[in-house]
């Protein structure tokens, strides 16, 4: 899916076109070269036809990799703020965060299959199932949300740590003040809650709150 998403799937739902020659495109291409990120082009999509959210992402694998900007992002952020947002995304690339999270997911899946593959036959019989085959799959579907909830704090913790690291990288390749300004606009336009209860965030938040991210940038992680 990652391989074909930017070239085959995304264009079905949005009009995608190459970013026109401009200072913005030159700055983006310079940033990509600086970070060693090779892409098949920089594109914009007409996200404004659905809502006002601001976003940018890198999609695809290998030769299909694309840099994609929401048209709302281009309209509402300054050039330096856009560069800071892309610097954040490049931080994930430089730190290999996607590979790390795939590895973490693999470990969690292994643990889940290990648990469900060793459940006593009596547990299946209590629900009217036979162990093995389809019974194991049904048991997995019924109870995997419980184990997913138990595993979610670890996944959320590493994901939030990745976001802090990407923010810091953006501040290094651009300017942390531009990143802070961009975060404030993103939070406002995307209607994000600026703060969250630590216990709720511990289980459910893959991203730190806006307050935490800005505080981390302003204090250099102190």
N, C-alpha and C. Protein backbone atom coordinates (compact mmCIF):
# COMPACT_ATOMS: atom_id res chain seq x y z
N UNK A 1 0.84 -1.21 0.00
CA UNK A 1 0.00 0.00 0.00
C UNK A 1 0.87 1.25 0.00
N UNK A 2 1.92 1.24 0.83
CA UNK A 2 2.83 2.40 0.86
C UNK A 2 3.48 2.63 -0.50
N UNK A 3 3.72 1.55 -1.21
CA UNK A 3 4.39 1.65 -2.51
C UNK A 3 3.50 2.32 -3.55
N UNK A 4 2.19 2.00 -3.55
CA UNK A 4 1.31 2.50 -4.60
C UNK A 4 0.44 3.68 -4.15
N UNK A 5 0.43 3.99 -2.84
CA UNK A 5 -0.50 5.01 -2.35
C UNK A 5 -0.34 6.37 -3.05
N UNK A 6 0.87 6.95 -3.12
CA UNK A 6 0.97 8.31 -3.68
C UNK A 6 0.72 8.38 -5.18
N UNK A 7 0.93 7.27 -5.90
CA UNK A 7 0.80 7.31 -7.36
C UNK A 7 -0.54 6.79 -7.85
N UNK A 8 -1.18 5.87 -7.12
CA UNK A 8 -2.41 5.26 -7.60
C UNK A 8 -3.63 5.54 -6.72
N UNK A 9 -3.44 5.52 -5.41
CA UNK A 9 -4.59 5.65 -4.51
C UNK A 9 -4.95 7.11 -4.22
N UNK A 10 -3.96 7.90 -3.77
CA UNK A 10 -4.23 9.30 -3.42
C UNK A 10 -4.86 10.09 -4.56
N UNK A 11 -4.41 9.93 -5.83
CA UNK A 11 -5.02 10.70 -6.92
C UNK A 11 -6.49 10.37 -7.18
N UNK A 12 -6.98 9.24 -6.66
CA UNK A 12 -8.39 8.90 -6.83
C UNK A 12 -9.26 9.86 -6.02
N UNK A 13 -8.76 10.27 -4.85
CA UNK A 13 -9.55 11.07 -3.93
C UNK A 13 -9.21 12.56 -3.96
N UNK A 14 -8.06 12.90 -4.49
CA UNK A 14 -7.66 14.30 -4.56
C UNK A 14 -6.98 14.60 -5.88
N UNK A 15 -7.14 15.84 -6.34
CA UNK A 15 -6.42 16.28 -7.52
C UNK A 15 -4.98 16.59 -7.10
N UNK A 16 -4.04 15.85 -7.65
CA UNK A 16 -2.64 16.00 -7.29
C UNK A 16 -1.87 16.56 -8.48
N UNK A 17 -1.14 17.63 -8.24
CA UNK A 17 -0.37 18.22 -9.34
C UNK A 17 0.99 18.69 -8.84
N UNK A 18 1.99 18.69 -9.73
CA UNK A 18 3.34 19.12 -9.33
C UNK A 18 3.34 20.55 -8.85
N UNK A 19 4.13 20.82 -7.83
CA UNK A 19 4.27 22.19 -7.32
C UNK A 19 4.94 23.04 -8.39
N UNK A 20 4.36 24.21 -8.63
CA UNK A 20 4.90 25.10 -9.67
C UNK A 20 6.28 25.62 -9.28
N UNK A 21 7.06 25.96 -10.31
CA UNK A 21 8.38 26.53 -10.07
C UNK A 21 8.24 27.83 -9.26
N UNK A 22 8.94 27.88 -8.16
CA UNK A 22 8.81 29.03 -7.27
C UNK A 22 9.93 28.97 -6.24
N UNK A 23 10.00 30.02 -5.42
CA UNK A 23 10.99 30.02 -4.34
C UNK A 23 10.71 28.88 -3.36
N UNK A 24 9.41 28.59 -3.13
CA UNK A 24 9.04 27.50 -2.23
C UNK A 24 9.58 26.17 -2.75
N UNK A 25 9.39 25.90 -4.02
CA UNK A 25 9.88 24.65 -4.59
C UNK A 25 11.40 24.56 -4.50
N UNK A 26 12.09 25.66 -4.78
CA UNK A 26 13.55 25.68 -4.71
C UNK A 26 14.02 25.40 -3.28
N UNK A 27 13.34 26.03 -2.29
CA UNK A 27 13.71 25.81 -0.89
C UNK A 27 13.48 24.37 -0.48
N UNK A 28 12.36 23.79 -0.93
CA UNK A 28 12.05 22.40 -0.58
C UNK A 28 13.08 21.46 -1.19
N UNK A 29 13.40 21.66 -2.45
CA UNK A 29 14.37 20.79 -3.12
C UNK A 29 15.74 20.91 -2.47
N UNK A 30 16.10 22.12 -2.03
CA UNK A 30 17.37 22.31 -1.33
C UNK A 30 17.38 21.58 0.01
N UNK A 31 16.24 21.61 0.71
CA UNK A 31 16.13 20.92 1.99
C UNK A 31 16.22 19.40 1.81
N UNK A 32 15.56 18.90 0.77
CA UNK A 32 15.60 17.46 0.49
C UNK A 32 17.03 17.01 0.18
N UNK A 33 17.72 17.80 -0.62
CA UNK A 33 19.11 17.48 -0.97
C UNK A 33 19.99 17.51 0.26
N UNK A 34 19.77 18.50 1.11
CA UNK A 34 20.55 18.62 2.35
C UNK A 34 20.39 17.40 3.25
N UNK A 35 19.19 16.83 3.25
CA UNK A 35 18.90 15.68 4.13
C UNK A 35 19.08 14.33 3.43
N UNK A 36 19.42 14.36 2.15
CA UNK A 36 19.64 13.12 1.43
C UNK A 36 18.38 12.35 1.10
N UNK A 37 17.25 13.07 0.96
CA UNK A 37 15.98 12.43 0.67
C UNK A 37 15.71 12.53 -0.83
N UNK A 38 15.62 11.40 -1.51
CA UNK A 38 15.38 11.38 -2.94
C UNK A 38 13.90 11.09 -3.18
N UNK A 39 13.25 11.98 -3.93
CA UNK A 39 11.82 11.81 -4.20
C UNK A 39 11.57 11.91 -5.70
N UNK A 40 10.36 11.50 -6.09
CA UNK A 40 9.98 11.60 -7.50
C UNK A 40 9.31 12.93 -7.81
N UNK A 41 9.26 13.83 -6.82
CA UNK A 41 8.70 15.15 -7.07
C UNK A 41 7.99 15.73 -5.86
N UNK A 42 7.68 17.02 -5.96
CA UNK A 42 6.94 17.73 -4.92
C UNK A 42 5.57 18.08 -5.50
N UNK A 43 4.50 17.71 -4.78
CA UNK A 43 3.14 17.85 -5.30
C UNK A 43 2.24 18.56 -4.28
N UNK A 44 1.15 19.12 -4.80
CA UNK A 44 0.10 19.68 -3.93
C UNK A 44 -1.19 18.94 -4.22
N UNK A 45 -2.07 18.86 -3.21
CA UNK A 45 -3.39 18.26 -3.41
C UNK A 45 -4.46 19.24 -2.95
N UNK A 46 -5.65 19.12 -3.53
CA UNK A 46 -6.75 20.04 -3.24
C UNK A 46 -7.51 19.59 -1.99
N UNK A 47 -6.82 19.57 -0.86
CA UNK A 47 -7.44 19.13 0.39
C UNK A 47 -8.53 20.09 0.85
N UNK A 48 -8.49 21.34 0.39
CA UNK A 48 -9.45 22.35 0.82
C UNK A 48 -10.88 22.04 0.39
N UNK A 49 -11.06 21.13 -0.56
CA UNK A 49 -12.42 20.79 -0.99
C UNK A 49 -13.16 20.00 0.08
N UNK A 50 -12.40 19.47 1.09
CA UNK A 50 -13.04 18.71 2.16
C UNK A 50 -13.10 19.50 3.47
N UNK A 51 -11.98 20.09 3.87
CA UNK A 51 -11.96 20.86 5.12
C UNK A 51 -10.77 21.80 5.12
N UNK A 52 -10.52 22.43 6.27
CA UNK A 52 -9.46 23.43 6.36
C UNK A 52 -8.20 22.92 7.05
N UNK A 53 -8.11 21.63 7.28
CA UNK A 53 -6.94 21.10 7.97
C UNK A 53 -5.66 21.33 7.16
N UNK A 54 -4.58 21.54 7.89
CA UNK A 54 -3.27 21.75 7.27
C UNK A 54 -2.43 20.50 7.46
N UNK A 55 -1.73 20.09 6.42
CA UNK A 55 -0.89 18.90 6.56
C UNK A 55 0.09 18.81 5.39
N UNK A 56 1.11 18.00 5.59
CA UNK A 56 2.06 17.65 4.54
C UNK A 56 2.57 16.26 4.88
N UNK A 57 2.90 15.48 3.87
CA UNK A 57 3.42 14.15 4.16
C UNK A 57 4.34 13.68 3.05
N UNK A 58 5.16 12.70 3.40
CA UNK A 58 6.00 12.01 2.43
C UNK A 58 5.37 10.64 2.22
N UNK A 59 5.02 10.32 1.00
CA UNK A 59 4.38 9.03 0.72
C UNK A 59 5.19 8.21 -0.24
N UNK A 60 4.98 6.88 -0.16
CA UNK A 60 5.61 5.98 -1.10
C UNK A 60 6.90 5.36 -0.60
N UNK A 61 7.41 4.46 -1.38
CA UNK A 61 8.67 3.78 -1.10
C UNK A 61 9.51 3.75 -2.36
N UNK A 62 10.81 3.82 -2.20
CA UNK A 62 11.70 3.73 -3.36
C UNK A 62 11.43 4.81 -4.38
N UNK A 63 11.25 4.40 -5.65
CA UNK A 63 11.08 5.35 -6.75
C UNK A 63 9.74 6.08 -6.71
N UNK A 64 8.77 5.61 -5.88
CA UNK A 64 7.45 6.25 -5.85
C UNK A 64 7.35 7.33 -4.77
N UNK A 65 8.43 7.58 -4.04
CA UNK A 65 8.35 8.56 -2.95
C UNK A 65 8.01 9.94 -3.48
N UNK A 66 7.04 10.58 -2.80
CA UNK A 66 6.61 11.92 -3.18
C UNK A 66 6.49 12.79 -1.94
N UNK A 67 6.75 14.08 -2.13
CA UNK A 67 6.47 15.07 -1.09
C UNK A 67 5.12 15.70 -1.45
N UNK A 68 4.18 15.62 -0.53
CA UNK A 68 2.82 16.08 -0.82
C UNK A 68 2.43 17.17 0.18
N UNK A 69 2.00 18.32 -0.34
CA UNK A 69 1.55 19.44 0.49
C UNK A 69 0.06 19.66 0.29
N UNK A 70 -0.69 19.82 1.39
CA UNK A 70 -2.08 20.24 1.27
C UNK A 70 -2.09 21.67 0.75
N UNK A 71 -3.05 21.99 -0.13
CA UNK A 71 -3.13 23.37 -0.63
C UNK A 71 -3.43 24.36 0.50
N UNK A 72 -4.11 23.89 1.54
CA UNK A 72 -4.38 24.75 2.70
C UNK A 72 -3.09 25.13 3.43
N UNK A 73 -2.15 24.19 3.45
CA UNK A 73 -0.86 24.47 4.10
C UNK A 73 -0.11 25.56 3.35
N UNK A 74 -0.11 25.46 2.02
CA UNK A 74 0.60 26.43 1.18
C UNK A 74 -0.02 27.83 1.33
N UNK A 75 -1.36 27.88 1.49
CA UNK A 75 -2.06 29.16 1.56
C UNK A 75 -1.88 29.84 2.92
N UNK A 76 -1.85 29.07 3.99
CA UNK A 76 -1.96 29.65 5.33
C UNK A 76 -0.65 29.71 6.12
N UNK A 77 0.39 29.04 5.64
CA UNK A 77 1.68 29.10 6.33
C UNK A 77 2.66 29.90 5.48
N UNK A 78 3.58 30.55 6.17
CA UNK A 78 4.64 31.28 5.45
C UNK A 78 5.63 30.27 4.87
N UNK A 79 6.47 30.77 3.99
CA UNK A 79 7.47 29.90 3.36
C UNK A 79 8.36 29.23 4.42
N UNK A 80 8.83 30.01 5.39
CA UNK A 80 9.71 29.46 6.43
C UNK A 80 8.98 28.45 7.30
N UNK A 81 7.69 28.66 7.55
CA UNK A 81 6.92 27.72 8.35
C UNK A 81 6.71 26.40 7.60
N UNK A 82 6.48 26.48 6.30
CA UNK A 82 6.33 25.27 5.50
C UNK A 82 7.62 24.46 5.51
N UNK A 83 8.76 25.14 5.38
CA UNK A 83 10.05 24.47 5.42
C UNK A 83 10.25 23.79 6.78
N UNK A 84 9.80 24.44 7.85
CA UNK A 84 9.92 23.85 9.18
C UNK A 84 9.07 22.59 9.30
N UNK A 85 7.84 22.62 8.76
CA UNK A 85 6.96 21.45 8.79
C UNK A 85 7.58 20.29 8.01
N UNK A 86 8.13 20.59 6.84
CA UNK A 86 8.79 19.54 6.06
C UNK A 86 10.05 19.05 6.76
N UNK A 87 10.73 19.96 7.48
CA UNK A 87 11.88 19.55 8.27
C UNK A 87 11.50 18.53 9.32
N UNK A 88 10.31 18.70 9.90
CA UNK A 88 9.80 17.73 10.87
C UNK A 88 9.63 16.36 10.21
N UNK A 89 8.99 16.35 9.04
CA UNK A 89 8.78 15.07 8.33
C UNK A 89 10.12 14.44 7.95
N UNK A 90 11.07 15.26 7.55
CA UNK A 90 12.40 14.74 7.21
C UNK A 90 13.11 14.19 8.44
N UNK A 91 12.77 14.74 9.62
CA UNK A 91 13.34 14.22 10.86
C UNK A 91 12.96 12.76 11.05
N UNK A 92 11.71 12.41 10.72
CA UNK A 92 11.29 11.01 10.81
C UNK A 92 12.11 10.14 9.85
N UNK A 93 12.38 10.70 8.66
CA UNK A 93 13.18 9.97 7.67
C UNK A 93 14.61 9.77 8.16
N UNK A 94 15.23 10.83 8.65
CA UNK A 94 16.62 10.75 9.09
C UNK A 94 16.78 9.83 10.30
N UNK A 95 15.79 9.82 11.18
CA UNK A 95 15.87 8.99 12.39
C UNK A 95 15.35 7.57 12.17
N UNK A 96 14.89 7.29 10.93
CA UNK A 96 14.37 5.95 10.59
C UNK A 96 13.20 5.56 11.51
N UNK A 97 12.35 6.53 11.82
CA UNK A 97 11.24 6.28 12.74
C UNK A 97 10.23 5.28 12.19
N UNK A 98 9.98 5.31 10.88
CA UNK A 98 9.01 4.39 10.31
C UNK A 98 9.49 2.95 10.47
N UNK A 99 10.77 2.71 10.20
CA UNK A 99 11.32 1.36 10.36
C UNK A 99 11.27 0.92 11.83
N UNK A 100 11.55 1.86 12.73
CA UNK A 100 11.51 1.54 14.16
C UNK A 100 10.11 1.14 14.60
N UNK A 101 9.10 1.88 14.12
CA UNK A 101 7.74 1.57 14.52
C UNK A 101 7.24 0.27 13.88
N UNK A 102 7.70 -0.03 12.66
CA UNK A 102 7.36 -1.31 12.05
C UNK A 102 7.95 -2.45 12.87
N UNK A 103 9.20 -2.27 13.31
CA UNK A 103 9.85 -3.30 14.14
C UNK A 103 9.11 -3.47 15.47
N UNK A 104 8.69 -2.36 16.07
CA UNK A 104 7.94 -2.43 17.33
C UNK A 104 6.61 -3.15 17.12
N UNK A 105 5.93 -2.84 16.03
CA UNK A 105 4.67 -3.52 15.73
C UNK A 105 4.87 -5.01 15.53
N UNK A 106 5.97 -5.38 14.89
CA UNK A 106 6.27 -6.79 14.68
C UNK A 106 6.47 -7.51 16.01
N UNK A 107 7.17 -6.86 16.93
CA UNK A 107 7.38 -7.46 18.26
C UNK A 107 6.05 -7.64 18.98
N UNK A 108 5.19 -6.63 18.91
CA UNK A 108 3.89 -6.72 19.57
C UNK A 108 3.01 -7.80 18.95
N UNK A 109 3.04 -7.90 17.63
CA UNK A 109 2.28 -8.96 16.96
C UNK A 109 2.80 -10.34 17.34
N UNK A 110 4.11 -10.48 17.42
CA UNK A 110 4.71 -11.75 17.82
C UNK A 110 4.23 -12.13 19.22
N UNK A 111 4.25 -11.14 20.13
CA UNK A 111 3.81 -11.39 21.50
C UNK A 111 2.34 -11.79 21.54
N UNK A 112 1.52 -11.13 20.71
CA UNK A 112 0.10 -11.43 20.69
C UNK A 112 -0.16 -12.84 20.15
N UNK A 113 0.52 -13.20 19.07
CA UNK A 113 0.35 -14.54 18.51
C UNK A 113 0.89 -15.61 19.47
N UNK A 114 1.95 -15.27 20.19
CA UNK A 114 2.50 -16.21 21.17
C UNK A 114 1.49 -16.48 22.27
N UNK A 115 0.83 -15.41 22.72
CA UNK A 115 -0.18 -15.56 23.78
C UNK A 115 -1.38 -16.38 23.28
N UNK A 116 -1.92 -15.99 22.14
CA UNK A 116 -3.11 -16.67 21.64
C UNK A 116 -2.82 -18.07 21.14
N UNK A 117 -1.58 -18.33 20.77
CA UNK A 117 -1.24 -19.67 20.33
C UNK A 117 -1.04 -20.66 21.46
N UNK A 118 -1.05 -20.15 22.70
CA UNK A 118 -0.83 -21.03 23.86
C UNK A 118 -1.95 -20.94 24.90
N UNK A 119 -3.12 -20.54 24.46
CA UNK A 119 -4.28 -20.49 25.36
C UNK A 119 -4.78 -21.92 25.61
N UNK A 120 -5.07 -22.30 26.84
CA UNK A 120 -5.54 -23.67 27.14
C UNK A 120 -6.82 -24.02 26.39
N UNK A 121 -6.96 -25.29 26.05
CA UNK A 121 -8.14 -25.75 25.33
C UNK A 121 -9.42 -25.45 26.10
N UNK A 122 -9.33 -25.45 27.44
CA UNK A 122 -10.52 -25.21 28.26
C UNK A 122 -11.13 -23.84 27.99
N UNK A 123 -10.28 -22.86 27.67
CA UNK A 123 -10.78 -21.51 27.38
C UNK A 123 -11.60 -21.51 26.10
N UNK A 124 -11.15 -22.26 25.09
CA UNK A 124 -11.92 -22.37 23.85
C UNK A 124 -13.24 -23.08 24.09
N UNK A 125 -13.17 -24.19 24.84
CA UNK A 125 -14.37 -24.98 25.09
C UNK A 125 -15.42 -24.20 25.87
N UNK A 126 -14.97 -23.29 26.74
CA UNK A 126 -15.91 -22.48 27.52
C UNK A 126 -16.74 -21.57 26.62
N UNK A 127 -16.19 -21.23 25.46
CA UNK A 127 -16.90 -20.37 24.50
C UNK A 127 -17.52 -21.17 23.35
N UNK A 128 -17.39 -22.50 23.44
CA UNK A 128 -17.96 -23.34 22.39
C UNK A 128 -17.11 -23.46 21.15
N UNK A 129 -15.82 -23.16 21.26
CA UNK A 129 -14.90 -23.25 20.13
C UNK A 129 -14.02 -24.49 20.25
N UNK A 130 -13.42 -24.84 19.13
CA UNK A 130 -12.36 -25.84 19.13
C UNK A 130 -11.04 -25.09 18.95
N UNK A 131 -10.02 -25.51 19.69
CA UNK A 131 -8.72 -24.84 19.57
C UNK A 131 -8.12 -25.12 18.20
N UNK A 132 -7.34 -24.17 17.70
CA UNK A 132 -6.70 -24.33 16.40
C UNK A 132 -7.61 -23.86 15.27
N UNK A 133 -7.01 -23.54 14.14
CA UNK A 133 -7.74 -23.16 12.95
C UNK A 133 -8.61 -21.94 13.15
N UNK A 134 -9.88 -22.06 12.71
CA UNK A 134 -10.80 -20.94 12.78
C UNK A 134 -11.10 -20.49 14.20
N UNK A 135 -11.10 -21.44 15.15
CA UNK A 135 -11.35 -21.09 16.54
C UNK A 135 -10.32 -20.11 17.07
N UNK A 136 -9.07 -20.30 16.71
CA UNK A 136 -8.00 -19.41 17.16
C UNK A 136 -8.19 -18.01 16.57
N UNK A 137 -8.59 -17.95 15.29
CA UNK A 137 -8.81 -16.66 14.64
C UNK A 137 -9.95 -15.91 15.30
N UNK A 138 -11.06 -16.61 15.59
CA UNK A 138 -12.21 -15.97 16.23
C UNK A 138 -11.82 -15.48 17.62
N UNK A 139 -11.07 -16.29 18.36
CA UNK A 139 -10.61 -15.91 19.69
C UNK A 139 -9.73 -14.67 19.62
N UNK A 140 -8.88 -14.64 18.60
CA UNK A 140 -7.99 -13.49 18.39
C UNK A 140 -8.78 -12.23 18.13
N UNK A 141 -9.81 -12.33 17.27
CA UNK A 141 -10.63 -11.17 16.93
C UNK A 141 -11.41 -10.66 18.14
N UNK A 142 -11.86 -11.59 18.99
CA UNK A 142 -12.65 -11.21 20.15
C UNK A 142 -11.82 -10.50 21.22
N UNK A 143 -10.59 -10.98 21.44
CA UNK A 143 -9.83 -10.52 22.60
C UNK A 143 -8.60 -9.68 22.26
N UNK A 144 -8.26 -9.57 20.99
CA UNK A 144 -7.08 -8.76 20.63
C UNK A 144 -7.22 -7.30 21.03
N UNK A 145 -8.44 -6.68 21.01
CA UNK A 145 -8.53 -5.28 21.46
C UNK A 145 -8.05 -5.09 22.90
N UNK A 146 -8.26 -6.10 23.75
CA UNK A 146 -7.81 -5.99 25.14
C UNK A 146 -6.29 -5.94 25.19
N UNK A 147 -5.65 -6.84 24.43
CA UNK A 147 -4.19 -6.87 24.42
C UNK A 147 -3.63 -5.65 23.70
N UNK A 148 -4.34 -5.18 22.68
CA UNK A 148 -3.92 -3.97 22.01
C UNK A 148 -3.92 -2.79 22.96
N UNK A 149 -4.93 -2.72 23.83
CA UNK A 149 -5.00 -1.65 24.82
C UNK A 149 -3.83 -1.74 25.80
N UNK A 150 -3.47 -2.96 26.20
CA UNK A 150 -2.37 -3.15 27.13
C UNK A 150 -1.03 -2.79 26.50
N UNK A 151 -0.91 -3.02 25.18
CA UNK A 151 0.34 -2.71 24.49
C UNK A 151 0.42 -1.23 24.08
N UNK A 152 -0.72 -0.53 24.04
CA UNK A 152 -0.75 0.82 23.49
C UNK A 152 0.16 1.81 24.22
N UNK A 153 0.35 1.71 25.56
CA UNK A 153 1.25 2.68 26.20
C UNK A 153 2.67 2.66 25.64
N UNK A 154 3.18 1.45 25.35
CA UNK A 154 4.54 1.35 24.80
C UNK A 154 4.61 1.97 23.41
N UNK A 155 3.61 1.64 22.58
CA UNK A 155 3.59 2.19 21.22
C UNK A 155 3.44 3.70 21.25
N UNK A 156 2.55 4.21 22.10
CA UNK A 156 2.33 5.66 22.20
C UNK A 156 3.57 6.37 22.71
N UNK A 157 4.25 5.76 23.67
CA UNK A 157 5.46 6.38 24.24
C UNK A 157 6.53 6.57 23.16
N UNK A 158 6.82 5.51 22.40
CA UNK A 158 7.85 5.61 21.37
C UNK A 158 7.43 6.57 20.26
N UNK A 159 6.14 6.58 19.92
CA UNK A 159 5.65 7.49 18.89
C UNK A 159 5.81 8.94 19.33
N UNK A 160 5.47 9.23 20.58
CA UNK A 160 5.63 10.61 21.07
C UNK A 160 7.10 11.02 21.11
N UNK A 161 7.97 10.08 21.50
CA UNK A 161 9.40 10.37 21.50
C UNK A 161 9.90 10.68 20.09
N UNK A 162 9.37 9.96 19.10
CA UNK A 162 9.74 10.22 17.70
C UNK A 162 9.31 11.62 17.28
N UNK A 163 8.13 12.04 17.73
CA UNK A 163 7.64 13.37 17.37
C UNK A 163 8.52 14.47 17.96
N UNK A 164 8.93 14.30 19.21
CA UNK A 164 9.83 15.27 19.83
C UNK A 164 11.15 15.34 19.05
N UNK A 165 11.66 14.17 18.66
CA UNK A 165 12.91 14.13 17.91
C UNK A 165 12.79 14.80 16.55
N UNK A 166 11.65 14.60 15.89
CA UNK A 166 11.42 15.22 14.57
C UNK A 166 11.28 16.73 14.70
N UNK A 167 10.62 17.19 15.78
CA UNK A 167 10.51 18.63 16.02
C UNK A 167 11.90 19.25 16.21
N UNK A 168 12.72 18.57 16.98
CA UNK A 168 14.08 19.08 17.24
C UNK A 168 14.88 19.15 15.94
N UNK A 169 14.73 18.14 15.09
CA UNK A 169 15.43 18.13 13.81
C UNK A 169 14.96 19.30 12.95
N UNK A 170 13.64 19.56 12.96
CA UNK A 170 13.10 20.68 12.18
C UNK A 170 13.70 21.99 12.65
N UNK A 171 13.86 22.13 13.97
CA UNK A 171 14.47 23.35 14.51
C UNK A 171 15.91 23.52 14.10
N UNK A 172 16.60 22.39 13.85
CA UNK A 172 18.00 22.44 13.47
C UNK A 172 18.19 22.76 11.99
N UNK A 173 17.33 22.20 11.13
CA UNK A 173 17.50 22.42 9.69
C UNK A 173 16.81 23.70 9.22
N UNK A 174 15.91 24.22 10.03
CA UNK A 174 15.26 25.49 9.67
C UNK A 174 15.46 26.47 10.82
N UNK A 175 14.42 26.68 11.61
CA UNK A 175 14.49 27.60 12.74
C UNK A 175 13.40 27.19 13.72
N UNK A 176 13.76 27.05 15.00
CA UNK A 176 12.77 26.55 15.95
C UNK A 176 11.62 27.53 16.14
N UNK A 177 11.87 28.82 15.96
CA UNK A 177 10.79 29.80 16.07
C UNK A 177 9.77 29.62 14.95
N UNK A 178 10.26 29.27 13.75
CA UNK A 178 9.35 28.99 12.64
C UNK A 178 8.55 27.72 12.91
N UNK A 179 9.19 26.72 13.53
CA UNK A 179 8.49 25.48 13.85
C UNK A 179 7.41 25.75 14.91
N UNK A 180 7.72 26.55 15.90
CA UNK A 180 6.75 26.89 16.94
C UNK A 180 5.56 27.63 16.33
N UNK A 181 5.85 28.60 15.47
CA UNK A 181 4.79 29.36 14.81
C UNK A 181 3.92 28.44 13.95
N UNK A 182 4.56 27.51 13.24
CA UNK A 182 3.81 26.56 12.40
C UNK A 182 2.93 25.65 13.26
N UNK A 183 3.45 25.19 14.39
CA UNK A 183 2.67 24.33 15.28
C UNK A 183 1.43 25.05 15.80
N UNK A 184 1.58 26.31 16.13
CA UNK A 184 0.42 27.08 16.63
C UNK A 184 -0.66 27.19 15.55
N UNK A 185 -0.24 27.45 14.32
CA UNK A 185 -1.21 27.56 13.24
C UNK A 185 -1.84 26.20 12.93
N UNK A 186 -1.03 25.15 12.96
CA UNK A 186 -1.56 23.80 12.73
C UNK A 186 -2.58 23.44 13.80
N UNK A 187 -2.24 23.75 15.05
CA UNK A 187 -3.15 23.45 16.14
C UNK A 187 -4.46 24.21 16.02
N UNK A 188 -4.38 25.48 15.63
CA UNK A 188 -5.57 26.31 15.49
C UNK A 188 -6.45 25.84 14.33
N UNK A 189 -5.85 25.65 13.17
CA UNK A 189 -6.62 25.27 11.99
C UNK A 189 -7.16 23.84 12.08
N UNK A 190 -6.40 22.94 12.73
CA UNK A 190 -6.82 21.54 12.84
C UNK A 190 -7.68 21.28 14.07
N UNK A 191 -7.99 22.35 14.83
CA UNK A 191 -8.86 22.27 16.01
C UNK A 191 -8.32 21.25 17.03
N UNK A 192 -7.02 21.28 17.25
CA UNK A 192 -6.40 20.34 18.19
C UNK A 192 -6.46 20.90 19.61
N UNK A 193 -6.69 20.02 20.58
CA UNK A 193 -6.65 20.45 21.98
C UNK A 193 -5.20 20.76 22.35
N UNK A 194 -4.94 21.92 22.95
CA UNK A 194 -3.55 22.30 23.24
C UNK A 194 -2.91 21.48 24.36
N UNK A 195 -3.75 20.93 25.26
CA UNK A 195 -3.21 20.14 26.37
C UNK A 195 -4.05 18.89 26.54
N UNK A 196 -3.48 17.89 27.22
CA UNK A 196 -4.21 16.65 27.49
C UNK A 196 -3.80 16.11 28.85
N UNK A 197 -4.71 15.38 29.48
CA UNK A 197 -4.38 14.78 30.77
C UNK A 197 -3.29 13.73 30.56
N UNK A 198 -2.24 13.73 31.38
CA UNK A 198 -1.12 12.80 31.20
C UNK A 198 -1.54 11.33 31.15
N UNK A 199 -2.54 10.94 31.96
CA UNK A 199 -2.96 9.54 31.99
C UNK A 199 -3.63 9.15 30.68
N UNK A 200 -4.47 10.05 30.15
CA UNK A 200 -5.13 9.77 28.87
C UNK A 200 -4.09 9.70 27.75
N UNK A 201 -3.17 10.66 27.75
CA UNK A 201 -2.13 10.69 26.73
C UNK A 201 -1.25 9.44 26.81
N UNK A 202 -1.02 8.94 28.02
CA UNK A 202 -0.19 7.76 28.24
C UNK A 202 -0.70 6.57 27.43
N UNK A 203 -2.02 6.44 27.34
CA UNK A 203 -2.61 5.30 26.63
C UNK A 203 -2.92 5.58 25.17
N UNK A 204 -3.37 6.79 24.87
CA UNK A 204 -3.99 7.00 23.57
C UNK A 204 -3.25 7.93 22.61
N UNK A 205 -2.40 8.81 23.11
CA UNK A 205 -1.84 9.84 22.22
C UNK A 205 -0.55 9.39 21.56
N UNK A 206 -0.57 9.34 20.23
CA UNK A 206 0.64 9.02 19.48
C UNK A 206 1.49 10.27 19.27
N UNK A 207 0.89 11.45 19.48
CA UNK A 207 1.60 12.72 19.36
C UNK A 207 1.53 13.48 20.69
N UNK A 208 2.60 14.15 21.07
CA UNK A 208 2.53 15.00 22.26
C UNK A 208 1.54 16.13 22.03
N UNK A 209 1.06 16.71 23.10
CA UNK A 209 0.15 17.86 22.97
C UNK A 209 0.90 19.06 22.40
N UNK A 210 0.14 20.01 21.88
CA UNK A 210 0.73 21.23 21.33
C UNK A 210 1.57 21.94 22.39
N UNK A 211 1.06 22.00 23.61
CA UNK A 211 1.77 22.65 24.71
C UNK A 211 3.12 21.96 24.96
N UNK A 212 3.13 20.63 24.99
CA UNK A 212 4.36 19.89 25.24
C UNK A 212 5.39 20.09 24.13
N UNK A 213 4.92 20.10 22.88
CA UNK A 213 5.84 20.24 21.76
C UNK A 213 6.48 21.63 21.74
N UNK A 214 5.67 22.64 21.99
CA UNK A 214 6.21 24.00 22.00
C UNK A 214 7.16 24.19 23.18
N UNK A 215 6.78 23.66 24.33
CA UNK A 215 7.63 23.76 25.52
C UNK A 215 8.96 23.06 25.30
N UNK A 216 8.94 21.91 24.64
CA UNK A 216 10.17 21.16 24.36
C UNK A 216 11.09 21.96 23.44
N UNK A 217 10.51 22.60 22.43
CA UNK A 217 11.31 23.39 21.49
C UNK A 217 11.88 24.63 22.17
N UNK A 218 11.08 25.29 22.98
CA UNK A 218 11.53 26.53 23.62
C UNK A 218 12.62 26.27 24.65
N UNK A 219 12.57 25.12 25.29
CA UNK A 219 13.54 24.82 26.35
C UNK A 219 14.60 23.82 25.93
N UNK A 220 14.65 23.49 24.63
CA UNK A 220 15.65 22.55 24.11
C UNK A 220 15.66 21.24 24.88
N UNK A 221 14.45 20.75 25.21
CA UNK A 221 14.34 19.45 25.85
C UNK A 221 14.65 19.45 27.34
N UNK A 222 14.89 20.60 27.94
CA UNK A 222 15.23 20.66 29.36
C UNK A 222 13.97 20.64 30.22
